[in-house]
Amino acid sequence: MATKYQIINVKESKGVVDGNPFDNRMILCYSTESSKYLLCGPYTENLKIKTDDFNYVIRNRGYDLRDLPDKIITPVFGRNDYITDFTLSDPETGEVIE
C-alpha cells in the first residue's frame, strides 16, 4: 500500500548546483509513517517533484493550486526519490479527487 501524506504547503525551489539548473516544487507534508526524510519534527516530510511534472499533473487532472493544502497526496516515486505522478483525495471522506 502506498504511503499517503497530508499536504501542508507547496513551494518553488529554483537554482543551480554544480552548473546544472534545477526547477522543483517542494511539497511539505504530514505523514502517518516516519521515514529517513524527517524534516522538522515527527512525521513531516519534504517531497520533491520537478516543476514540469507538477504542472502536468495539475493541468491534466484539473486540480486547483489553492485547494492543495490539507488534501491527501498519494505520490508515485521515480528515480532519486522524485515524485513523477500523484493523486489527491479528500482527507475526510478518502475519496479520490478527479
Protein backbone atom coordinates (compact mmCIF):
# COMPACT_ATOMS: atom_id res chain seq x y z
CA MET A 1 0.00 0.00 0.00
CA ALA A 2 1.32 3.43 -0.94
CA THR A 3 2.17 5.92 1.76
CA LYS A 4 -0.24 8.83 1.92
CA TYR A 5 0.70 12.31 3.04
CA GLN A 6 -1.38 15.34 4.05
CA ILE A 7 -0.18 18.47 2.26
CA ILE A 8 0.82 21.43 4.43
CA ASN A 9 2.19 23.70 1.70
CA VAL A 10 3.84 23.74 -1.74
CA LYS A 11 6.77 25.99 -2.59
CA GLU A 12 9.04 26.63 -5.56
CA SER A 13 12.73 25.72 -5.43
CA LYS A 14 14.96 27.02 -8.24
CA GLY A 15 18.69 27.36 -8.60
CA VAL A 16 21.93 26.00 -9.99
CA VAL A 17 24.01 23.20 -8.46
CA ASP A 18 27.41 22.38 -9.94
CA GLY A 19 26.47 24.31 -13.08
CA ASN A 20 23.20 22.40 -13.52
CA PRO A 21 19.96 24.39 -13.25
CA PHE A 22 17.02 22.91 -11.34
CA ASP A 23 13.37 23.88 -11.00
CA ASN A 24 11.36 21.85 -8.50
CA ARG A 25 8.28 22.05 -6.35
CA MET A 26 8.72 21.07 -2.72
CA ILE A 27 5.62 19.62 -1.07
CA LEU A 28 5.74 19.87 2.72
CA CYS A 29 3.54 17.12 4.19
CA TYR A 30 2.47 15.33 7.33
CA SER A 31 2.90 11.59 7.14
CA THR A 32 1.43 8.80 9.23
CA GLU A 33 4.74 6.96 8.90
CA SER A 34 8.20 8.08 9.91
CA SER A 35 10.98 7.74 7.36
CA LYS A 36 14.54 8.66 6.55
CA TYR A 37 13.30 12.05 5.29
CA LEU A 38 12.46 13.54 8.68
CA LEU A 39 12.28 17.32 8.19
CA CYS A 40 11.31 19.48 11.15
CA GLY A 41 9.64 17.09 13.54
CA PRO A 42 7.99 13.73 13.78
CA TYR A 43 6.04 12.69 10.73
CA THR A 44 6.74 15.65 8.44
CA GLU A 45 8.39 15.23 5.07
CA ASN A 46 9.53 17.44 2.23
CA LEU A 47 8.71 15.71 -1.09
CA LYS A 48 10.27 16.78 -4.40
CA ILE A 49 8.72 16.89 -7.86
CA LYS A 50 10.10 18.51 -10.99
CA THR A 51 8.09 21.59 -11.93
CA ASP A 52 7.21 20.22 -15.39
CA ASP A 53 5.82 17.02 -13.84
CA PHE A 54 3.94 19.01 -11.18
CA ASN A 55 2.36 21.32 -13.77
CA TYR A 56 1.42 18.38 -16.00
CA VAL A 57 -0.43 16.60 -13.18
CA ILE A 58 -2.18 19.80 -12.04
CA ARG A 59 -3.37 20.61 -15.58
CA ASN A 60 -4.16 17.03 -16.60
CA ARG A 61 -6.29 16.30 -13.53
CA GLY A 62 -7.82 19.77 -13.22
CA TYR A 63 -6.54 20.37 -9.67
CA ASP A 64 -6.70 23.89 -8.27
CA LEU A 65 -3.46 25.03 -6.57
CA ARG A 66 -5.40 26.87 -3.87
CA ASP A 67 -7.02 23.60 -2.82
CA LEU A 68 -3.80 21.62 -2.29
CA PRO A 69 -3.20 22.37 1.43
CA ASP A 70 -4.91 19.80 3.67
CA LYS A 71 -5.54 17.33 0.81
CA ILE A 72 -4.12 13.82 0.95
CA ILE A 73 -1.47 13.17 -1.70
CA THR A 74 -0.59 9.66 -2.84
CA PRO A 75 2.67 10.04 -4.76
CA VAL A 76 4.34 7.79 -7.30
CA PHE A 77 8.09 7.95 -6.83
CA GLY A 78 10.59 7.71 -9.67
CA ARG A 79 14.34 7.97 -9.81
CA ASN A 80 16.18 9.71 -6.94
CA ASP A 81 13.01 9.82 -4.80
CA TYR A 82 11.38 12.45 -7.02
CA ILE A 83 7.60 12.27 -7.42
CA THR A 84 6.63 11.58 -11.04
CA ASP A 85 2.84 11.45 -10.58
CA PHE A 86 0.29 11.78 -7.80
CA THR A 87 -3.38 11.66 -6.94
CA LEU A 88 -5.23 13.78 -4.39
CA SER A 89 -8.01 12.69 -2.09
CA ASP A 90 -10.31 14.35 0.41
CA PRO A 91 -8.97 13.98 3.97
CA GLU A 92 -12.43 13.49 5.47
CA THR A 93 -14.01 11.06 3.02
CA GLY A 94 -10.92 9.49 1.48
CA GLU A 95 -12.47 9.90 -1.98
CA VAL A 96 -10.02 10.43 -4.82
CA ILE A 97 -10.39 13.86 -6.42
CA GLU A 98 -10.61 13.64 -10.21
